[in-house]
PDB file of N, CA and C in Angstrom:
ATOM      1  N   MET A   1      27.090 -14.859 -30.715  1.00  0.00           N
ATOM      2  CA  MET A   1      26.794 -16.497 -30.660  1.00  0.00           C
ATOM      3  C   MET A   1      25.766 -17.493 -29.548  1.00  0.00           C
ATOM      4  N   MET A   2      25.820 -16.491 -28.568  1.00  0.00           N
ATOM      5  CA  MET A   2      24.740 -16.929 -27.607  1.00  0.00           C
ATOM      6  C   MET A   2      23.434 -16.838 -28.086  1.00  0.00           C
ATOM      7  N   TYR A   3      22.992 -16.090 -29.030  1.00  0.00           N
ATOM      8  CA  TYR A   3      21.930 -15.613 -29.861  1.00  0.00           C
ATOM      9  C   TYR A   3      21.106 -16.895 -30.705  1.00  0.00           C
ATOM     10  N   HIS A   4      22.459 -17.521 -30.959  1.00  0.00           N
ATOM     11  CA  HIS A   4      21.907 -18.565 -31.893  1.00  0.00           C
ATOM     12  C   HIS A   4      22.088 -20.089 -31.205  1.00  0.00           C
ATOM     13  N   TRP A   5      21.655 -20.128 -29.754  1.00  0.00           N
ATOM     14  CA  TRP A   5      21.934 -21.731 -29.095  1.00  0.00           C
ATOM     15  C   TRP A   5      20.253 -21.663 -29.224  1.00  0.00           C
ATOM     16  N   TRP A   6      20.184 -22.945 -29.376  1.00  0.00           N
ATOM     17  CA  TRP A   6      18.658 -23.440 -29.394  1.00  0.00           C
ATOM     18  C   TRP A   6      17.683 -22.827 -28.324  1.00  0.00           C
ATOM     19  N   ILE A   7      18.494 -23.236 -26.818  1.00  0.00           N
ATOM     20  CA  ILE A   7      17.637 -22.887 -25.948  1.00  0.00           C
ATOM     21  C   ILE A   7      17.359 -21.398 -25.939  1.00  0.00           C
ATOM     22  N   TYR A   8      18.306 -20.559 -26.094  1.00  0.00           N
ATOM     23  CA  TYR A   8      17.821 -19.243 -26.415  1.00  0.00           C
ATOM     24  C   TYR A   8      16.764 -18.667 -27.614  1.00  0.00           C
ATOM     25  N   GLU A   9      16.487 -19.422 -28.470  1.00  0.00           N
ATOM     26  CA  GLU A   9      15.919 -18.896 -29.679  1.00  0.00           C
ATOM     27  C   GLU A   9      14.297 -19.587 -29.130  1.00  0.00           C
ATOM     28  N   TYR A  10      14.291 -20.990 -28.464  1.00  0.00           N
ATOM     29  CA  TYR A  10      12.995 -21.581 -28.580  1.00  0.00           C
ATOM     30  C   TYR A  10      12.433 -21.471 -27.076  1.00  0.00           C
ATOM     31  N   VAL A  11      13.146 -20.838 -25.983  1.00  0.00           N
ATOM     32  CA  VAL A  11      12.585 -20.946 -24.727  1.00  0.00           C
ATOM     33  C   VAL A  11      13.117 -19.373 -23.768  1.00  0.00           C
ATOM     34  N   VAL A  12      14.121 -18.900 -24.012  1.00  0.00           N
ATOM     35  CA  VAL A  12      14.021 -17.798 -23.228  1.00  0.00           C
ATOM     36  C   VAL A  12      13.558 -16.425 -24.120  1.00  0.00           C
ATOM     37  N   ASN A  13      13.605 -16.739 -25.179  1.00  0.00           N
ATOM     38  CA  ASN A  13      13.412 -15.274 -26.063  1.00  0.00           C
ATOM     39  C   ASN A  13      11.967 -15.650 -26.485  1.00  0.00           C
ATOM     40  N   THR A  14      11.137 -15.942 -25.851  1.00  0.00           N
ATOM     41  CA  THR A  14       9.808 -16.255 -26.275  1.00  0.00           C
ATOM     42  C   THR A  14       8.605 -15.699 -25.257  1.00  0.00           C
ATOM     43  N   ALA A  15       7.757 -15.193 -25.650  1.00  0.00           N
ATOM     44  CA  ALA A  15       6.736 -14.431 -25.067  1.00  0.00           C
ATOM     45  C   ALA A  15       6.225 -15.226 -23.543  1.00  0.00           C
ATOM     46  N   TRP A  16       6.245 -16.362 -23.662  1.00  0.00           N
ATOM     47  CA  TRP A  16       5.499 -16.807 -22.345  1.00  0.00           C
ATOM     48  C   TRP A  16       6.380 -17.171 -21.184  1.00  0.00           C
ATOM     49  N   PHE A  17       7.852 -17.206 -21.630  1.00  0.00           N
ATOM     50  CA  PHE A  17       8.685 -17.303 -20.832  1.00  0.00           C
ATOM     51  C   PHE A  17       9.136 -16.065 -20.127  1.00  0.00           C
ATOM     52  N   VAL A  18       9.101 -14.925 -21.156  1.00  0.00           N
ATOM     53  CA  VAL A  18       9.448 -13.483 -20.608  1.00  0.00           C
ATOM     54  C   VAL A  18       8.248 -13.200 -19.378  1.00  0.00           C
ATOM     55  N   GLN A  19       6.696 -13.724 -20.173  1.00  0.00           N
ATOM     56  CA  GLN A  19       5.524 -12.681 -19.196  1.00  0.00           C
ATOM     57  C   GLN A  19       5.773 -13.969 -18.100  1.00  0.00           C
ATOM     58  N   GLY A  20       5.931 -15.102 -17.654  1.00  0.00           N
ATOM     59  CA  GLY A  20       6.397 -15.861 -16.631  1.00  0.00           C
ATOM     60  C   GLY A  20       7.234 -15.528 -15.758  1.00  0.00           C
ATOM     61  N   VAL A  21       8.260 -14.924 -16.153  1.00  0.00           N
ATOM     62  CA  VAL A  21       9.433 -14.287 -15.157  1.00  0.00           C
ATOM     63  C   VAL A  21       8.878 -12.963 -14.552  1.00  0.00           C
ATOM     64  N   ALA A  22       7.791 -12.184 -15.410  1.00  0.00           N
ATOM     65  CA  ALA A  22       7.263 -10.859 -14.857  1.00  0.00           C
ATOM     66  C   ALA A  22       6.604 -11.247 -14.060  1.00  0.00           C
ATOM     67  N   TRP A  23       5.411 -12.265 -13.886  1.00  0.00           N
ATOM     68  CA  TRP A  23       4.400 -12.714 -13.058  1.00  0.00           C
ATOM     69  C   TRP A  23       5.124 -12.994 -11.942  1.00  0.00           C
ATOM     70  N   THR A  24       6.345 -13.766 -11.845  1.00  0.00           N
ATOM     71  CA  THR A  24       6.649 -14.013 -11.098  1.00  0.00           C
ATOM     72  C   THR A  24       7.683 -12.931 -10.273  1.00  0.00           C
ATOM     73  N   LEU A  25       8.029 -12.079 -10.793  1.00  0.00           N
ATOM     74  CA  LEU A  25       8.719 -10.961  -9.769  1.00  0.00           C
ATOM     75  C   LEU A  25       7.381 -10.212  -9.585  1.00  0.00           C
ATOM     76  N   PHE A  26       6.329 -10.225 -10.162  1.00  0.00           N
ATOM     77  CA  PHE A  26       5.119  -9.206  -9.829  1.00  0.00           C
ATOM     78  C   PHE A  26       4.972  -9.947  -8.584  1.00  0.00           C
ATOM     79  N   LEU A  27       4.465 -11.038  -8.402  1.00  0.00           N
ATOM     80  CA  LEU A  27       4.003 -11.971  -7.205  1.00  0.00           C
ATOM     81  C   LEU A  27       4.857 -11.817  -5.765  1.00  0.00           C
ATOM     82  N   PHE A  28       5.789 -11.838  -6.470  1.00  0.00           N
ATOM     83  CA  PHE A  28       7.059 -11.923  -5.328  1.00  0.00           C
ATOM     84  C   PHE A  28       7.211 -10.539  -4.678  1.00  0.00           C
ATOM     85  N   ASN A  29       7.155  -9.911  -5.271  1.00  0.00           N
ATOM     86  CA  ASN A  29       6.941  -8.226  -4.683  1.00  0.00           C
ATOM     87  C   ASN A  29       5.901  -7.947  -3.614  1.00  0.00           C
ATOM     88  N   PHE A  30       4.575  -8.657  -3.846  1.00  0.00           N
ATOM     89  CA  PHE A  30       3.522  -8.781  -3.243  1.00  0.00           C
ATOM     90  C   PHE A  30       3.607  -9.473  -1.741  1.00  0.00           C
ATOM     91  N   ALA A  31       4.203 -10.610  -2.291  1.00  0.00           N
ATOM     92  CA  ALA A  31       4.524 -11.699  -1.143  1.00  0.00           C
ATOM     93  C   ALA A  31       5.617 -11.645   0.243  1.00  0.00           C
ATOM     94  N   LEU A  32       6.766 -10.766  -0.423  1.00  0.00           N
ATOM     95  CA  LEU A  32       7.924 -10.104   0.276  1.00  0.00           C
ATOM     96  C   LEU A  32       7.783  -9.615   1.432  1.00  0.00           C
ATOM     97  N   PRO A  33       6.798  -8.576   1.752  1.00  0.00           N
ATOM     98  CA  PRO A  33       6.122  -8.180   2.992  1.00  0.00           C
ATOM     99  C   PRO A  33       5.780  -8.824   3.672  1.00  0.00           C
ATOM    100  N   VAL A  34       5.084 -10.111   3.607  1.00  0.00           N
ATOM    101  CA  VAL A  34       4.486 -10.612   4.477  1.00  0.00           C
ATOM    102  C   VAL A  34       5.594 -11.768   5.062  1.00  0.00           C
ATOM    103  N   ILE A  35       6.496 -11.887   3.731  1.00  0.00           N
ATOM    104  CA  ILE A  35       7.348 -12.998   4.540  1.00  0.00           C
ATOM    105  C   ILE A  35       8.306 -12.262   5.595  1.00  0.00           C
ATOM    106  N   VAL A  36       8.649 -11.116   5.170  1.00  0.00           N
ATOM    107  CA  VAL A  36       9.108 -10.630   6.315  1.00  0.00           C
ATOM    108  C   VAL A  36       8.683 -10.383   7.523  1.00  0.00           C
ATOM    109  N   TRP A  37       7.296  -9.756   7.700  1.00  0.00           N
ATOM    110  CA  TRP A  37       6.613  -9.816   8.656  1.00  0.00           C
ATOM    111  C   TRP A  37       6.471 -10.865   9.686  1.00  0.00           C
ATOM    112  N   PHE A  38       6.039 -12.263   8.998  1.00  0.00           N
ATOM    113  CA  PHE A  38       6.147 -13.392   9.514  1.00  0.00           C
ATOM    114  C   PHE A  38       7.785 -13.476  10.416  1.00  0.00           C
ATOM    115  N   THR A  39       8.569 -13.099   9.416  1.00  0.00           N
ATOM    116  CA  THR A  39      10.216 -13.377   9.845  1.00  0.00           C
ATOM    117  C   THR A  39      10.321 -12.608  11.083  1.00  0.00           C
ATOM    118  N   MET A  40      10.130 -11.332  10.857  1.00  0.00           N
ATOM    119  CA  MET A  40      10.257 -10.432  11.988  1.00  0.00           C
ATOM    120  C   MET A  40       9.334 -10.657  13.071  1.00  0.00           C
ATOM    121  N   SER A  41       8.425 -11.086  13.226  1.00  0.00           N
ATOM    122  CA  SER A  41       7.401 -11.193  14.333  1.00  0.00           C
ATOM    123  C   SER A  41       7.558 -12.955  15.019  1.00  0.00           C
ATOM    124  N   SER A  42       8.486 -13.612  14.092  1.00  0.00           N
ATOM    125  CA  SER A  42       8.621 -14.865  14.926  1.00  0.00           C
ATOM    126  C   SER A  42       7.966 -15.738  15.212  1.00  0.00           C
ATOM    127  N   ARG A  43       6.692 -15.658  14.128  1.00  0.00           N
ATOM    128  CA  ARG A  43       5.690 -16.361  14.132  1.00  0.00           C
ATOM    129  C   ARG A  43       5.837 -17.319  12.780  1.00  0.00           C
ATOM    130  N   ASN A  44       5.289 -18.331  12.959  1.00  0.00           N
ATOM    131  CA  ASN A  44       5.187 -19.367  11.434  1.00  0.00           C
ATOM    132  C   ASN A  44       3.714 -19.280  11.506  1.00  0.00           C
ATOM    133  N   PRO A  45       3.511 -18.943  10.151  1.00  0.00           N
ATOM    134  CA  PRO A  45       2.108 -19.050   9.518  1.00  0.00           C
ATOM    135  C   PRO A  45       1.990 -20.155   9.227  1.00  0.00           C
ATOM    136  N   LEU A  46       2.536 -21.290   9.260  1.00  0.00           N
ATOM    137  CA  LEU A  46       1.870 -22.345   9.060  1.00  0.00           C
ATOM    138  C   LEU A  46       1.614 -23.644  10.110  1.00  0.00           C
ATOM    139  N   ARG A  47       1.864 -22.909  11.351  1.00  0.00           N
ATOM    140  CA  ARG A  47       2.001 -23.804  12.758  1.00  0.00           C
ATOM    141  C   ARG A  47       0.890 -23.100  13.603  1.00  0.00           C
ATOM    142  N   ARG A  48      -0.165 -23.861  13.943  1.00  0.00           N
ATOM    143  CA  ARG A  48      -1.507 -23.698  14.858  1.00  0.00           C
ATOM    144  C   ARG A  48      -0.558 -22.950  16.313  1.00  0.00           C
ATOM    145  N   GLU A  49      -0.963 -22.262  17.039  1.00  0.00           N
ATOM    146  CA  GLU A  49      -0.634 -21.895  18.304  1.00  0.00           C
ATOM    147  C   GLU A  49      -1.301 -23.085  19.206  1.00  0.00           C
ATOM    148  N   LYS A  50      -0.718 -23.426  20.271  1.00  0.00           N
ATOM    149  CA  LYS A  50      -0.903 -24.322  21.221  1.00  0.00           C
ATOM    150  C   LYS A  50      -1.803 -23.653  22.370  1.00  0.00           C
ATOM    151  N   ASN A  51      -2.790 -24.338  23.268  1.00  0.00           N
ATOM    152  CA  ASN A  51      -3.141 -23.864  24.323  1.00  0.00           C
ATOM    153  C   ASN A  51      -2.331 -23.893  25.652  1.00  0.00           C
ATOM    154  N   GLU A  52      -2.739 -23.768  26.789  1.00  0.00           N
ATOM    155  CA  GLU A  52      -2.012 -24.149  27.862  1.00  0.00           C
ATOM    156  C   GLU A  52      -1.668 -25.409  28.107  1.00  0.00           C
ATOM    157  N   THR A  53      -2.764 -26.416  27.723  1.00  0.00           N
ATOM    158  CA  THR A  53      -2.269 -27.812  27.838  1.00  0.00           C
ATOM    159  C   THR A  53      -1.011 -28.303  26.987  1.00  0.00           C
ATOM    160  N   GLY A  54      -1.151 -27.305  25.893  1.00  0.00           N
ATOM    161  CA  GLY A  54       0.095 -28.021  25.001  1.00  0.00           C
ATOM    162  C   GLY A  54      -0.294 -29.099  24.238  1.00  0.00           C
ATOM    163  N   ALA A  55      -1.788 -29.159  23.984  1.00  0.00           N
ATOM    164  CA  ALA A  55      -2.678 -30.286  23.238  1.00  0.00           C
ATOM    165  C   ALA A  55      -2.951 -29.216  21.624  1.00  0.00           C
ATOM    166  N   GLY A  56      -2.597 -28.207  21.473  1.00  0.00           N
ATOM    167  CA  GLY A  56      -3.337 -27.569  20.159  1.00  0.00           C
ATOM    168  C   GLY A  56      -4.704 -27.137  20.374  1.00  0.00           C
ATOM    169  N   MET A  57      -5.074 -26.469  19.420  1.00  0.00           N
ATOM    170  CA  MET A  57      -6.246 -25.946  19.432  1.00  0.00           C
ATOM    171  C   MET A  57      -7.517 -26.769  20.271  1.00  0.00           C
ATOM    172  N   PRO A  58      -8.362 -26.276  20.907  1.00  0.00           N
ATOM    173  CA  PRO A  58      -9.474 -27.127  21.706  1.00  0.00           C
ATOM    174  C   PRO A  58     -10.493 -27.491  20.698  1.00  0.00           C
ATOM    175  N   THR A  59     -11.393 -28.431  21.192  1.00  0.00           N
ATOM    176  CA  THR A  59     -12.094 -28.769  20.138  1.00  0.00           C
ATOM    177  C   THR A  59     -13.684 -28.416  20.883  1.00  0.00           C
ATOM    178  N   ASP A  60     -14.583 -28.702  20.652  1.00  0.00           N
ATOM    179  CA  ASP A  60     -16.086 -28.216  20.795  1.00  0.00           C
ATOM    180  C   ASP A  60     -16.214 -29.081  22.245  1.00  0.00           C
ATOM    181  N   ALA A  61     -15.793 -30.149  22.002  1.00  0.00           N
ATOM    182  CA  ALA A  61     -16.439 -30.866  23.686  1.00  0.00           C
ATOM    183  C   ALA A  61     -15.416 -30.566  24.760  1.00  0.00           C
ATOM    184  N   ASP A  62     -14.316 -30.045  24.281  1.00  0.00           N
ATOM    185  CA  ASP A  62     -13.085 -29.052  25.386  1.00  0.00           C
ATOM    186  C   ASP A  62     -14.243 -28.218  25.924  1.00  0.00           C
ATOM    187  N   GLY A  63     -14.765 -27.081  25.127  1.00  0.00           N
ATOM    188  CA  GLY A  63     -15.564 -26.100  25.447  1.00  0.00           C
ATOM    189  C   GLY A  63     -16.694 -26.408  26.193  1.00  0.00           C
ATOM    190  N   ASP A  64     -17.169 -27.462  26.204  1.00  0.00           N
ATOM    191  CA  ASP A  64     -18.470 -27.631  26.849  1.00  0.00           C
ATOM    192  C   ASP A  64     -17.983 -28.418  28.058  1.00  0.00           C
ATOM    193  N   GLU A  65     -17.423 -29.069  28.418  1.00  0.00           N
ATOM    194  CA  GLU A  65     -16.725 -29.183  29.797  1.00  0.00           C
ATOM    195  C   GLU A  65     -16.305 -28.383  30.764  1.00  0.00           C
ATOM    196  N   ALA A  66     -15.596 -27.258  29.985  1.00  0.00           N
ATOM    197  CA  ALA A  66     -14.971 -25.941  30.711  1.00  0.00           C
ATOM    198  C   ALA A  66     -16.335 -25.393  31.196  1.00  0.00           C
ATOM    199  N   LYS A  67     -17.289 -25.023  30.478  1.00  0.00           N
ATOM    200  CA  LYS A  67     -18.549 -24.617  30.625  1.00  0.00           C
ATOM    201  C   LYS A  67     -19.278 -25.203  31.621  1.00  0.00           C
ATOM    202  N   SER A  68     -19.261 -26.768  31.890  1.00  0.00           N
ATOM    203  CA  SER A  68     -19.903 -27.538  32.894  1.00  0.00           C
ATOM    204  C   SER A  68     -19.628 -27.325  33.999  1.00  0.00           C
ATOM    205  N   GLY A  69     -18.005 -27.443  34.335  1.00  0.00           N
ATOM    206  CA  GLY A  69     -17.435 -27.567  35.184  1.00  0.00           C
ATOM    207  C   GLY A  69     -17.421 -29.005  35.335  1.00  0.00           C
ATOM    208  N   ASP A  70     -17.552 -29.945  34.531  1.00  0.00           N
ATOM    209  CA  ASP A  70     -16.931 -31.480  34.790  1.00  0.00           C
ATOM    210  C   ASP A  70     -15.339 -31.549  34.259  1.00  0.00           C
ATOM    211  N   ASN A  71     -15.023 -30.542  33.994  1.00  0.00           N
ATOM    212  CA  ASN A  71     -13.253 -30.845  33.467  1.00  0.00           C
ATOM    213  C   ASN A  71     -12.416 -30.939  34.799  1.00  0.00           C
ATOM    214  N   ALA A  72     -11.677 -31.592  35.115  1.00  0.00           N
ATOM    215  CA  ALA A  72     -10.516 -31.594  36.543  1.00  0.00           C
ATOM    216  C   ALA A  72      -9.606 -30.752  36.203  1.00  0.00           C
ATOM    217  N   LYS A  73      -9.892 -30.449  34.910  1.00  0.00           N
ATOM    218  CA  LYS A  73      -8.316 -29.594  34.761  1.00  0.00           C
ATOM    219  C   LYS A  73      -8.682 -27.829  34.850  1.00  0.00           C
ATOM    220  N   ASN A  74     -10.225 -27.700  34.774  1.00  0.00           N
ATOM    221  CA  ASN A  74     -10.379 -26.241  34.898  1.00  0.00           C
ATOM    222  C   ASN A  74     -12.016 -26.410  35.982  1.00  0.00           C
ATOM    223  N   PRO A  75     -11.493 -26.479  37.140  1.00  0.00           N
ATOM    224  CA  PRO A  75     -12.791 -26.468  38.160  1.00  0.00           C
ATOM    225  C   PRO A  75     -13.200 -25.213  38.488  1.00  0.00           C
ATOM    226  N   PRO A  76     -14.236 -25.084  38.447  1.00  0.00           N
ATOM    227  CA  PRO A  76     -15.087 -23.694  38.656  1.00  0.00           C
ATOM    228  C   PRO A  76     -14.024 -23.098  40.274  1.00  0.00           C
ATOM    229  N   GLU A  77     -14.100 -21.704  40.200  1.00  0.00           N
ATOM    230  CA  GLU A  77     -13.667 -21.099  41.094  1.00  0.00           C
ATOM    231  C   GLU A  77     -14.686 -21.078  42.384  1.00  0.00           C
ATOM    232  N   GLY A  78     -13.998 -20.932  43.527  1.00  0.00           N
ATOM    233  CA  GLY A  78     -14.444 -20.816  44.460  1.00  0.00           C
ATOM    234  C   GLY A  78     -15.377 -22.399  45.466  1.00  0.00           C
ATOM    235  N   GLY A  79     -14.497 -23.365  45.068  1.00  0.00           N
ATOM    236  CA  GLY A  79     -15.168 -24.422  45.849  1.00  0.00           C
ATOM    237  C   GLY A  79     -14.922 -26.017  44.530  1.00  0.00           C
ATOM    238  N   SER A  80     -16.006 -26.603  45.116  1.00  0.00           N
ATOM    239  CA  SER A  80     -16.437 -27.896  44.144  1.00  0.00           C
ATOM    240  C   SER A  80     -17.375 -27.775  43.449  1.00  0.00           C
ATOM    241  N   SER A  81     -18.086 -26.704  44.009  1.00  0.00           N
ATOM    242  CA  SER A  81     -19.543 -26.648  42.934  1.00  0.00           C
ATOM    243  C   SER A  81     -19.767 -25.178  43.040  1.00  0.00           C
ATOM    244  N   ALA A  82     -20.508 -24.614  41.832  1.00  0.00           N
ATOM    245  CA  ALA A  82     -20.791 -23.370  41.449  1.00  0.00           C
ATOM    246  C   ALA A  82     -21.760 -22.937  42.687  1.00  0.00           C
ATOM    247  N   SER A  83     -23.204 -23.903  43.374  1.00  0.00           N
ATOM    248  CA  SER A  83     -23.803 -23.119  44.092  1.00  0.00           C
ATOM    249  C   SER A  83     -23.418 -23.294  45.628  1.00  0.00           C
ATOM    250  N   SER A  84     -22.039 -23.503  46.252  1.00  0.00           N
ATOM    251  CA  SER A  84     -21.634 -23.245  47.089  1.00  0.00           C
ATOM    252  C   SER A  84     -21.555 -21.967  47.388  1.00  0.00           C
ATOM    253  N   GLU A  85     -21.168 -20.968  46.376  1.00  0.00           N
ATOM    254  CA  GLU A  85     -20.559 -19.615  46.516  1.00  0.00           C
ATOM    255  C   GLU A  85     -21.687 -18.974  47.309  1.00  0.00           C
ATOM    256  N   PHE A  86     -23.133 -19.558  46.868  1.00  0.00           N
ATOM    257  CA  PHE A  86     -24.327 -18.419  47.192  1.00  0.00           C
ATOM    258  C   PHE A  86     -24.479 -19.240  48.828  1.00  0.00           C
ATOM    259  N   SER A  87     -24.316 -19.928  49.354  1.00  0.00           N
ATOM    260  CA  SER A  87     -24.810 -20.780  50.955  1.00  0.00           C
ATOM    261  C   SER A  87     -23.844 -20.263  51.861  1.00  0.00           C
TER     262      SER A  87
END
């Protein structure tokens, strides 16, 4: 009786539907280990890691300020200027 339903004859019992289910299961079998790994390692693959200030990923301007020592959050070690270490 079920084999005479319209939805079975024209949707479920068609080649494109069966191939779609097979490809979905095939791709799910490849994606599942990755999903389990991210779940077990407590990492979110869609979220970026925060730096120590909590502001997200640093920009190029932040790197330039840190290298030159002009950044108040990252002063150079050993005093207020790098040349004072050698005097």
